[in-house]
Amino acid sequence: YACAIVLGVFVVAPLAWLVIMSISDTNDLTTVPLRWIP
């Protein structure tokens, strides 16, 4: 089950990051430290 969860995270994380980037303001994406939630 741990392996299945790790695999699920590796599959879903890039898709979640794409959605977050698509709805974030440019300033949120370029600040340091990064704002994960817009």
PDB file of all heavy atoms in Angstrom:
ATOM      1  N   TYR A   1       0.822  -1.209   0.000  1.00  0.00           N
ATOM      2  CA  TYR A   1       0.000   0.000   0.000  1.00  0.00           C
ATOM      3  C   TYR A   1       0.859   1.263   0.000  1.00  0.00           C
ATOM      4  O   TYR A   1       0.504   2.261  -0.642  1.00  0.00           O
ATOM      5  CB  TYR A   1      -0.963   0.003   1.187  1.00  0.00           C
ATOM      6  CG  TYR A   1      -2.145  -0.905   0.973  1.00  0.00           C
ATOM      7  CD1 TYR A   1      -2.315  -2.051   1.737  1.00  0.00           C
ATOM      8  CD2 TYR A   1      -3.093  -0.629  -0.004  1.00  0.00           C
ATOM      9  CE1 TYR A   1      -3.390  -2.891   1.542  1.00  0.00           C
ATOM     10  CE2 TYR A   1      -4.173  -1.460  -0.211  1.00  0.00           C
ATOM     11  CZ  TYR A   1      -4.320  -2.591   0.557  1.00  0.00           C
ATOM     12  OH  TYR A   1      -5.388  -3.418   0.348  1.00  0.00           O
ATOM     13  N   ALA A   2       1.977   1.240   0.686  1.00  0.00           N
ATOM     14  CA  ALA A   2       2.882   2.394   0.685  1.00  0.00           C
ATOM     15  C   ALA A   2       3.426   2.638  -0.718  1.00  0.00           C
ATOM     16  O   ALA A   2       3.501   3.791  -1.171  1.00  0.00           O
ATOM     17  CB  ALA A   2       4.013   2.188   1.680  1.00  0.00           C
ATOM     18  N   CYS A   3       3.789   1.574  -1.416  1.00  0.00           N
ATOM     19  CA  CYS A   3       4.272   1.718  -2.798  1.00  0.00           C
ATOM     20  C   CYS A   3       3.179   2.277  -3.700  1.00  0.00           C
ATOM     21  O   CYS A   3       3.446   3.121  -4.561  1.00  0.00           O
ATOM     22  CB  CYS A   3       4.769   0.379  -3.334  1.00  0.00           C
ATOM     23  SG  CYS A   3       6.319  -0.154  -2.598  1.00  0.00           S
ATOM     24  N   ALA A   4       1.947   1.817  -3.506  1.00  0.00           N
ATOM     25  CA  ALA A   4       0.829   2.324  -4.310  1.00  0.00           C
ATOM     26  C   ALA A   4       0.595   3.808  -4.039  1.00  0.00           C
ATOM     27  O   ALA A   4       0.334   4.587  -4.967  1.00  0.00           O
ATOM     28  CB  ALA A   4      -0.431   1.524  -4.015  1.00  0.00           C
ATOM     29  N   ILE A   5       0.722   4.225  -2.790  1.00  0.00           N
ATOM     30  CA  ILE A   5       0.535   5.643  -2.453  1.00  0.00           C
ATOM     31  C   ILE A   5       1.648   6.485  -3.068  1.00  0.00           C
ATOM     32  O   ILE A   5       1.394   7.560  -3.631  1.00  0.00           O
ATOM     33  CB  ILE A   5       0.455   5.820  -0.921  1.00  0.00           C
ATOM     34  CG1 ILE A   5      -0.860   5.242  -0.412  1.00  0.00           C
ATOM     35  CG2 ILE A   5       0.598   7.277  -0.527  1.00  0.00           C
ATOM     36  CD1 ILE A   5      -0.964   5.147   1.094  1.00  0.00           C
ATOM     37  N   VAL A   6       2.891   6.024  -2.972  1.00  0.00           N
ATOM     38  CA  VAL A   6       4.013   6.753  -3.566  1.00  0.00           C
ATOM     39  C   VAL A   6       3.828   6.873  -5.080  1.00  0.00           C
ATOM     40  O   VAL A   6       4.032   7.950  -5.663  1.00  0.00           O
ATOM     41  CB  VAL A   6       5.360   6.083  -3.210  1.00  0.00           C
ATOM     42  CG1 VAL A   6       6.490   6.644  -4.040  1.00  0.00           C
ATOM     43  CG2 VAL A   6       5.646   6.244  -1.736  1.00  0.00           C
ATOM     44  N   LEU A   7       3.430   5.791  -5.727  1.00  0.00           N
ATOM     45  CA  LEU A   7       3.183   5.829  -7.166  1.00  0.00           C
ATOM     46  C   LEU A   7       2.062   6.811  -7.495  1.00  0.00           C
ATOM     47  O   LEU A   7       2.165   7.583  -8.456  1.00  0.00           O
ATOM     48  CB  LEU A   7       2.846   4.432  -7.685  1.00  0.00           C
ATOM     49  CG  LEU A   7       2.537   4.325  -9.165  1.00  0.00           C
ATOM     50  CD1 LEU A   7       3.769   4.678  -9.995  1.00  0.00           C
ATOM     51  CD2 LEU A   7       2.043   2.946  -9.500  1.00  0.00           C
ATOM     52  N   GLY A   8       1.004   6.800  -6.696  1.00  0.00           N
ATOM     53  CA  GLY A   8      -0.100   7.730  -6.917  1.00  0.00           C
ATOM     54  C   GLY A   8       0.338   9.179  -6.796  1.00  0.00           C
ATOM     55  O   GLY A   8      -0.076  10.035  -7.584  1.00  0.00           O
ATOM     56  N   VAL A   9       1.187   9.463  -5.815  1.00  0.00           N
ATOM     57  CA  VAL A   9       1.693  10.830  -5.643  1.00  0.00           C
ATOM     58  C   VAL A   9       2.540  11.237  -6.847  1.00  0.00           C
ATOM     59  O   VAL A   9       2.422  12.357  -7.354  1.00  0.00           O
ATOM     60  CB  VAL A   9       2.485  10.952  -4.324  1.00  0.00           C
ATOM     61  CG1 VAL A   9       3.267  12.250  -4.275  1.00  0.00           C
ATOM     62  CG2 VAL A   9       1.547  10.857  -3.137  1.00  0.00           C
ATOM     63  N   PHE A  10       3.391  10.327  -7.330  1.00  0.00           N
ATOM     64  CA  PHE A  10       4.225  10.644  -8.485  1.00  0.00           C
ATOM     65  C   PHE A  10       3.394  10.867  -9.745  1.00  0.00           C
ATOM     66  O   PHE A  10       3.788  11.627 -10.627  1.00  0.00           O
ATOM     67  CB  PHE A  10       5.252   9.536  -8.741  1.00  0.00           C
ATOM     68  CG  PHE A  10       6.516   9.719  -7.977  1.00  0.00           C
ATOM     69  CD1 PHE A  10       6.755   8.965  -6.844  1.00  0.00           C
ATOM     70  CD2 PHE A  10       7.463  10.649  -8.368  1.00  0.00           C
ATOM     71  CE1 PHE A  10       7.922   9.130  -6.121  1.00  0.00           C
ATOM     72  CE2 PHE A  10       8.626  10.830  -7.647  1.00  0.00           C
ATOM     73  CZ  PHE A  10       8.857  10.068  -6.519  1.00  0.00           C
ATOM     74  N   VAL A  11       2.242  10.237  -9.843  1.00  0.00           N
ATOM     75  CA  VAL A  11       1.389  10.426 -11.016  1.00  0.00           C
ATOM     76  C   VAL A  11       0.565  11.704 -10.890  1.00  0.00           C
ATOM     77  O   VAL A  11       0.428  12.466 -11.848  1.00  0.00           O
ATOM     78  CB  VAL A  11       0.471   9.193 -11.216  1.00  0.00           C
ATOM     79  CG1 VAL A  11      -0.593   9.462 -12.245  1.00  0.00           C
ATOM     80  CG2 VAL A  11       1.297   7.983 -11.615  1.00  0.00           C
ATOM     81  N   VAL A  12       0.031  11.972  -9.714  1.00  0.00           N
ATOM     82  CA  VAL A  12      -0.899  13.096  -9.532  1.00  0.00           C
ATOM     83  C   VAL A  12      -0.186  14.425  -9.307  1.00  0.00           C
ATOM     84  O   VAL A  12      -0.698  15.472  -9.717  1.00  0.00           O
ATOM     85  CB  VAL A  12      -1.874  12.782  -8.370  1.00  0.00           C
ATOM     86  CG1 VAL A  12      -2.735  13.971  -8.019  1.00  0.00           C
ATOM     87  CG2 VAL A  12      -2.746  11.596  -8.742  1.00  0.00           C
ATOM     88  N   ALA A  13       0.997  14.418  -8.697  1.00  0.00           N
ATOM     89  CA  ALA A  13       1.683  15.666  -8.354  1.00  0.00           C
ATOM     90  C   ALA A  13       1.948  16.568  -9.559  1.00  0.00           C
ATOM     91  O   ALA A  13       1.676  17.776  -9.486  1.00  0.00           O
ATOM     92  CB  ALA A  13       2.975  15.368  -7.595  1.00  0.00           C
ATOM     93  N   PRO A  14       2.459  16.064 -10.688  1.00  0.00           N
ATOM     94  CA  PRO A  14       2.668  16.970 -11.826  1.00  0.00           C
ATOM     95  C   PRO A  14       1.365  17.558 -12.365  1.00  0.00           C
ATOM     96  O   PRO A  14       1.327  18.731 -12.756  1.00  0.00           O
ATOM     97  CB  PRO A  14       3.333  16.084 -12.884  1.00  0.00           C
ATOM     98  CG  PRO A  14       3.916  14.952 -12.136  1.00  0.00           C
ATOM     99  CD  PRO A  14       3.028  14.743 -10.951  1.00  0.00           C
ATOM    100  N   LEU A  15       0.302  16.782 -12.348  1.00  0.00           N
ATOM    101  CA  LEU A  15      -0.985  17.306 -12.816  1.00  0.00           C
ATOM    102  C   LEU A  15      -1.505  18.388 -11.872  1.00  0.00           C
ATOM    103  O   LEU A  15      -2.018  19.422 -12.316  1.00  0.00           O
ATOM    104  CB  LEU A  15      -1.999  16.170 -12.942  1.00  0.00           C
ATOM    105  CG  LEU A  15      -1.642  15.078 -13.944  1.00  0.00           C
ATOM    106  CD1 LEU A  15      -2.643  13.946 -13.876  1.00  0.00           C
ATOM    107  CD2 LEU A  15      -1.566  15.643 -15.346  1.00  0.00           C
ATOM    108  N   ALA A  16      -1.356  18.154 -10.572  1.00  0.00           N
ATOM    109  CA  ALA A  16      -1.779  19.168  -9.597  1.00  0.00           C
ATOM    110  C   ALA A  16      -0.954  20.439  -9.751  1.00  0.00           C
ATOM    111  O   ALA A  16      -1.491  21.549  -9.670  1.00  0.00           O
ATOM    112  CB  ALA A  16      -1.653  18.610  -8.177  1.00  0.00           C
ATOM    113  N   TRP A  17       0.346  20.286  -9.997  1.00  0.00           N
ATOM    114  CA  TRP A  17       1.208  21.457 -10.178  1.00  0.00           C
ATOM    115  C   TRP A  17       0.789  22.236 -11.424  1.00  0.00           C
ATOM    116  O   TRP A  17       0.790  23.476 -11.421  1.00  0.00           O
ATOM    117  CB  TRP A  17       2.665  21.025 -10.254  1.00  0.00           C
ATOM    118  CG  TRP A  17       3.600  22.166 -10.508  1.00  0.00           C
ATOM    119  CD1 TRP A  17       4.413  22.325 -11.574  1.00  0.00           C
ATOM    120  CD2 TRP A  17       3.801  23.317  -9.688  1.00  0.00           C
ATOM    121  NE1 TRP A  17       5.117  23.502 -11.471  1.00  0.00           N
ATOM    122  CE2 TRP A  17       4.748  24.131 -10.315  1.00  0.00           C
ATOM    123  CE3 TRP A  17       3.249  23.739  -8.484  1.00  0.00           C
ATOM    124  CZ2 TRP A  17       5.170  25.332  -9.781  1.00  0.00           C
ATOM    125  CZ3 TRP A  17       3.670  24.945  -7.949  1.00  0.00           C
ATOM    126  CH2 TRP A  17       4.624  25.724  -8.598  1.00  0.00           C
ATOM    127  N   LEU A  18       0.427  21.558 -12.496  1.00  0.00           N
ATOM    128  CA  LEU A  18      -0.032  22.254 -13.698  1.00  0.00           C
ATOM    129  C   LEU A  18      -1.305  23.043 -13.429  1.00  0.00           C
ATOM    130  O   LEU A  18      -1.462  24.176 -13.906  1.00  0.00           O
ATOM    131  CB  LEU A  18      -0.253  21.252 -14.831  1.00  0.00           C
ATOM    132  CG  LEU A  18       1.002  20.693 -15.466  1.00  0.00           C
ATOM    133  CD1 LEU A  18       0.640  19.594 -16.469  1.00  0.00           C
ATOM    134  CD2 LEU A  18       1.783  21.783 -16.163  1.00  0.00           C
ATOM    135  N   VAL A  19      -2.229  22.465 -12.671  1.00  0.00           N
ATOM    136  CA  VAL A  19      -3.474  23.177 -12.349  1.00  0.00           C
ATOM    137  C   VAL A  19      -3.166  24.386 -11.475  1.00  0.00           C
ATOM    138  O   VAL A  19      -3.687  25.485 -11.711  1.00  0.00           O
ATOM    139  CB  VAL A  19      -4.473  22.230 -11.656  1.00  0.00           C
ATOM    140  CG1 VAL A  19      -5.644  22.996 -11.080  1.00  0.00           C
ATOM    141  CG2 VAL A  19      -4.955  21.174 -12.631  1.00  0.00           C
ATOM    142  N   ILE A  20      -2.298  24.215 -10.479  1.00  0.00           N
ATOM    143  CA  ILE A  20      -1.941  25.347  -9.612  1.00  0.00           C
ATOM    144  C   ILE A  20      -1.285  26.457 -10.418  1.00  0.00           C
ATOM    145  O   ILE A  20      -1.592  27.639 -10.243  1.00  0.00           O
ATOM    146  CB  ILE A  20      -1.028  24.869  -8.461  1.00  0.00           C
ATOM    147  CG1 ILE A  20      -1.828  24.020  -7.491  1.00  0.00           C
ATOM    148  CG2 ILE A  20      -0.396  26.049  -7.738  1.00  0.00           C
ATOM    149  CD1 ILE A  20      -0.991  23.316  -6.448  1.00  0.00           C
ATOM    150  N   MET A  21      -0.369  26.093 -11.328  1.00  0.00           N
ATOM    151  CA  MET A  21       0.285  27.121 -12.153  1.00  0.00           C
ATOM    152  C   MET A  21      -0.705  27.825 -13.066  1.00  0.00           C
ATOM    153  O   MET A  21      -0.562  29.009 -13.351  1.00  0.00           O
ATOM    154  CB  MET A  21       1.394  26.490 -13.005  1.00  0.00           C
ATOM    155  CG  MET A  21       2.642  26.209 -12.232  1.00  0.00           C
ATOM    156  SD  MET A  21       4.087  25.750 -13.214  1.00  0.00           S
ATOM    157  CE  MET A  21       3.488  25.187 -14.741  1.00  0.00           C
ATOM    158  N   SER A  22      -1.708  27.091 -13.550  1.00  0.00           N
ATOM    159  CA  SER A  22      -2.633  27.707 -14.499  1.00  0.00           C
ATOM    160  C   SER A  22      -3.583  28.698 -13.842  1.00  0.00           C
ATOM    161  O   SER A  22      -4.111  29.576 -14.519  1.00  0.00           O
ATOM    162  CB  SER A  22      -3.429  26.630 -15.233  1.00  0.00           C
ATOM    163  OG  SER A  22      -4.396  26.051 -14.382  1.00  0.00           O
ATOM    164  N   ILE A  23      -3.805  28.569 -12.534  1.00  0.00           N
ATOM    165  CA  ILE A  23      -4.737  29.489 -11.867  1.00  0.00           C
ATOM    166  C   ILE A  23      -4.024  30.489 -10.958  1.00  0.00           C
ATOM    167  O   ILE A  23      -4.675  31.288 -10.299  1.00  0.00           O
ATOM    168  CB  ILE A  23      -5.795  28.715 -11.044  1.00  0.00           C
ATOM    169  CG1 ILE A  23      -5.144  27.886  -9.948  1.00  0.00           C
ATOM    170  CG2 ILE A  23      -6.680  27.881 -11.943  1.00  0.00           C
ATOM    171  CD1 ILE A  23      -6.120  27.237  -8.991  1.00  0.00           C
ATOM    172  N   SER A  24      -2.686  30.444 -10.922  1.00  0.00           N
ATOM    173  CA  SER A  24      -1.928  31.360 -10.070  1.00  0.00           C
ATOM    174  C   SER A  24      -1.552  32.620 -10.827  1.00  0.00           C
ATOM    175  O   SER A  24      -1.344  32.606 -12.039  1.00  0.00           O
ATOM    176  CB  SER A  24      -0.652  30.690  -9.567  1.00  0.00           C
ATOM    177  OG  SER A  24      -0.950  29.611  -8.732  1.00  0.00           O
ATOM    178  N   ASP A  25      -1.420  33.700 -10.079  1.00  0.00           N
ATOM    179  CA  ASP A  25      -0.933  34.957 -10.630  1.00  0.00           C
ATOM    180  C   ASP A  25       0.578  34.825 -10.856  1.00  0.00           C
ATOM    181  O   ASP A  25       1.263  34.057 -10.177  1.00  0.00           O
ATOM    182  CB  ASP A  25      -1.229  36.080  -9.645  1.00  0.00           C
ATOM    183  CG  ASP A  25      -0.895  37.434 -10.201  1.00  0.00           C
ATOM    184  OD1 ASP A  25      -1.131  37.659 -11.407  1.00  0.00           O
ATOM    185  OD2 ASP A  25      -0.404  38.276  -9.447  1.00  0.00           O
ATOM    186  N   THR A  26       1.120  35.571 -11.791  1.00  0.00           N
ATOM    187  CA  THR A  26       2.548  35.508 -12.094  1.00  0.00           C
ATOM    188  C   THR A  26       3.388  35.862 -10.873  1.00  0.00           C
ATOM    189  O   THR A  26       4.436  35.256 -10.638  1.00  0.00           O
ATOM    190  CB  THR A  26       2.883  36.459 -13.260  1.00  0.00           C
ATOM    191  OG1 THR A  26       2.021  36.158 -14.348  1.00  0.00           O
ATOM    192  CG2 THR A  26       4.309  36.297 -13.702  1.00  0.00           C
ATOM    193  N   ASN A  27       2.935  36.814 -10.073  1.00  0.00           N
ATOM    194  CA  ASN A  27       3.682  37.186  -8.864  1.00  0.00           C
ATOM    195  C   ASN A  27       3.756  36.035  -7.870  1.00  0.00           C
ATOM    196  O   ASN A  27       4.768  35.858  -7.194  1.00  0.00           O
ATOM    197  CB  ASN A  27       3.053  38.408  -8.201  1.00  0.00           C
ATOM    198  CG  ASN A  27       3.191  39.638  -9.072  1.00  0.00           C
ATOM    199  OD1 ASN A  27       4.120  39.754  -9.857  1.00  0.00           O
ATOM    200  ND2 ASN A  27       2.248  40.546  -8.946  1.00  0.00           N
ATOM    201  N   ASP A  28       2.681  35.254  -7.754  1.00  0.00           N
ATOM    202  CA  ASP A  28       2.697  34.103  -6.846  1.00  0.00           C
ATOM    203  C   ASP A  28       3.688  33.046  -7.303  1.00  0.00           C
ATOM    204  O   ASP A  28       4.279  32.337  -6.491  1.00  0.00           O
ATOM    205  CB  ASP A  28       1.306  33.471  -6.745  1.00  0.00           C
ATOM    206  CG  ASP A  28       0.336  34.318  -5.948  1.00  0.00           C
ATOM    207  OD1 ASP A  28       0.799  35.173  -5.170  1.00  0.00           O
ATOM    208  OD2 ASP A  28      -0.880  34.107  -6.093  1.00  0.00           O
ATOM    209  N   LEU A  29       3.876  32.916  -8.605  1.00  0.00           N
ATOM    210  CA  LEU A  29       4.770  31.885  -9.138  1.00  0.00           C
ATOM    211  C   LEU A  29       6.239  32.291  -9.089  1.00  0.00           C
ATOM    212  O   LEU A  29       7.115  31.434  -9.172  1.00  0.00           O
ATOM    213  CB  LEU A  29       4.387  31.551 -10.576  1.00  0.00           C
ATOM    214  CG  LEU A  29       3.029  30.893 -10.771  1.00  0.00           C
ATOM    215  CD1 LEU A  29       2.705  30.791 -12.247  1.00  0.00           C
ATOM    216  CD2 LEU A  29       2.990  29.541 -10.113  1.00  0.00           C
ATOM    217  N   THR A  30       6.508  33.596  -8.982  1.00  0.00           N
ATOM    218  CA  THR A  30       7.898  34.058  -9.016  1.00  0.00           C
ATOM    219  C   THR A  30       8.426  34.514  -7.667  1.00  0.00           C
ATOM    220  O   THR A  30       9.580  34.922  -7.574  1.00  0.00           O
ATOM    221  CB  THR A  30       8.050  35.212 -10.033  1.00  0.00           C
ATOM    222  OG1 THR A  30       7.135  36.248  -9.690  1.00  0.00           O
ATOM    223  CG2 THR A  30       7.790  34.729 -11.445  1.00  0.00           C
ATOM    224  N   THR A  31       7.608  34.456  -6.627  1.00  0.00           N
ATOM    225  CA  THR A  31       8.090  34.866  -5.306  1.00  0.00           C
ATOM    226  C   THR A  31       8.952  33.767  -4.689  1.00  0.00           C
ATOM    227  O   THR A  31       8.805  32.597  -4.996  1.00  0.00           O
ATOM    228  CB  THR A  31       6.922  35.159  -4.348  1.00  0.00           C
ATOM    229  OG1 THR A  31       6.126  33.992  -4.234  1.00  0.00           O
ATOM    230  CG2 THR A  31       6.104  36.325  -4.812  1.00  0.00           C
ATOM    231  N   VAL A  32       9.885  34.204  -3.838  1.00  0.00           N
ATOM    232  CA  VAL A  32      10.720  33.255  -3.102  1.00  0.00           C
ATOM    233  C   VAL A  32      10.480  33.513  -1.632  1.00  0.00           C
ATOM    234  O   VAL A  32      10.683  34.635  -1.177  1.00  0.00           O
ATOM    235  CB  VAL A  32      12.207  33.447  -3.460  1.00  0.00           C
ATOM    236  CG1 VAL A  32      13.083  32.538  -2.622  1.00  0.00           C
ATOM    237  CG2 VAL A  32      12.428  33.218  -4.937  1.00  0.00           C
ATOM    238  N   PRO A  33      10.045  32.575  -0.857  1.00  0.00           N
ATOM    239  CA  PRO A  33       9.712  31.196  -1.200  1.00  0.00           C
ATOM    240  C   PRO A  33       8.400  31.123  -1.988  1.00  0.00           C
ATOM    241  O   PRO A  33       7.543  32.003  -1.890  1.00  0.00           O
ATOM    242  CB  PRO A  33       9.565  30.504   0.148  1.00  0.00           C
ATOM    243  CG  PRO A  33       9.166  31.594   1.087  1.00  0.00           C
ATOM    244  CD  PRO A  33       9.830  32.841   0.557  1.00  0.00           C
ATOM    245  N   LEU A  34       8.268  30.074  -2.738  1.00  0.00           N
ATOM    246  CA  LEU A  34       7.116  29.881  -3.629  1.00  0.00           C
ATOM    247  C   LEU A  34       5.820  29.758  -2.841  1.00  0.00           C
ATOM    248  O   LEU A  34       5.785  29.119  -1.796  1.00  0.00           O
ATOM    249  CB  LEU A  34       7.340  28.609  -4.452  1.00  0.00           C
ATOM    250  CG  LEU A  34       6.254  28.231  -5.444  1.00  0.00           C
ATOM    251  CD1 LEU A  34       6.185  29.259  -6.554  1.00  0.00           C
ATOM    252  CD2 LEU A  34       6.522  26.867  -6.012  1.00  0.00           C
ATOM    253  N   ARG A  35       4.789  30.397  -3.337  1.00  0.00           N
ATOM    254  CA  ARG A  35       3.456  30.250  -2.743  1.00  0.00           C
ATOM    255  C   ARG A  35       2.758  29.095  -3.458  1.00  0.00           C
ATOM    256  O   ARG A  35       2.418  29.200  -4.634  1.00  0.00           O
ATOM    257  CB  ARG A  35       2.640  31.524  -2.927  1.00  0.00           C
ATOM    258  CG  ARG A  35       3.089  32.648  -2.076  1.00  0.00           C
ATOM    259  CD  ARG A  35       2.063  33.770  -2.097  1.00  0.00           C
ATOM    260  NE  ARG A  35       2.633  34.931  -1.451  1.00  0.00           N
ATOM    261  CZ  ARG A  35       2.780  36.104  -2.035  1.00  0.00           C
ATOM    262  NH1 ARG A  35       2.383  36.280  -3.263  1.00  0.00           N
ATOM    263  NH2 ARG A  35       3.313  37.106  -1.379  1.00  0.00           N
ATOM    264  N   TRP A  36       2.559  27.992  -2.755  1.00  0.00           N
ATOM    265  CA  TRP A  36       1.951  26.807  -3.359  1.00  0.00           C
ATOM    266  C   TRP A  36       0.459  26.999  -3.592  1.00  0.00           C
ATOM    267  O   TRP A  36      -0.079  26.482  -4.574  1.00  0.00           O
ATOM    268  CB  TRP A  36       2.173  25.585  -2.470  1.00  0.00           C
ATOM    269  CG  TRP A  36       3.599  25.147  -2.473  1.00  0.00           C
ATOM    270  CD1 TRP A  36       4.560  25.508  -1.575  1.00  0.00           C
ATOM    271  CD2 TRP A  36       4.247  24.316  -3.434  1.00  0.00           C
ATOM    272  NE1 TRP A  36       5.761  24.945  -1.911  1.00  0.00           N
ATOM    273  CE2 TRP A  36       5.595  24.196  -3.044  1.00  0.00           C
ATOM    274  CE3 TRP A  36       3.828  23.647  -4.568  1.00  0.00           C
ATOM    275  CZ2 TRP A  36       6.523  23.436  -3.751  1.00  0.00           C
ATOM    276  CZ3 TRP A  36       4.742  22.893  -5.272  1.00  0.00           C
ATOM    277  CH2 TRP A  36       6.067  22.791  -4.864  1.00  0.00           C
ATOM    278  N   ILE A  37      -0.193  27.726  -2.714  1.00  0.00           N
ATOM    279  CA  ILE A  37      -1.619  27.992  -2.859  1.00  0.00           C
ATOM    280  C   ILE A  37      -1.769  29.461  -3.265  1.00  0.00           C
ATOM    281  O   ILE A  37      -1.307  30.356  -2.561  1.00  0.00           O
ATOM    282  CB  ILE A  37      -2.376  27.733  -1.534  1.00  0.00           C
ATOM    283  CG1 ILE A  37      -2.100  26.322  -1.013  1.00  0.00           C
ATOM    284  CG2 ILE A  37      -3.865  27.987  -1.696  1.00  0.00           C
ATOM    285  CD1 ILE A  37      -2.572  25.212  -1.930  1.00  0.00           C
ATOM    286  N   PRO A  38      -2.390  29.720  -4.418  1.00  0.00           N
ATOM    287  CA  PRO A  38      -2.495  31.121  -4.872  1.00  0.00           C
ATOM    288  C   PRO A  38      -3.386  31.946  -3.947  1.00  0.00           C
ATOM    289  O   PRO A  38      -4.370  31.454  -3.413  1.00  0.00           O
ATOM    290  CB  PRO A  38      -3.112  30.995  -6.268  1.00  0.00           C
ATOM    291  CG  PRO A  38      -3.739  29.655  -6.324  1.00  0.00           C
ATOM    292  CD  PRO A  38      -3.009  28.784  -5.350  1.00  0.00           C
TER     293      PRO A  38
END
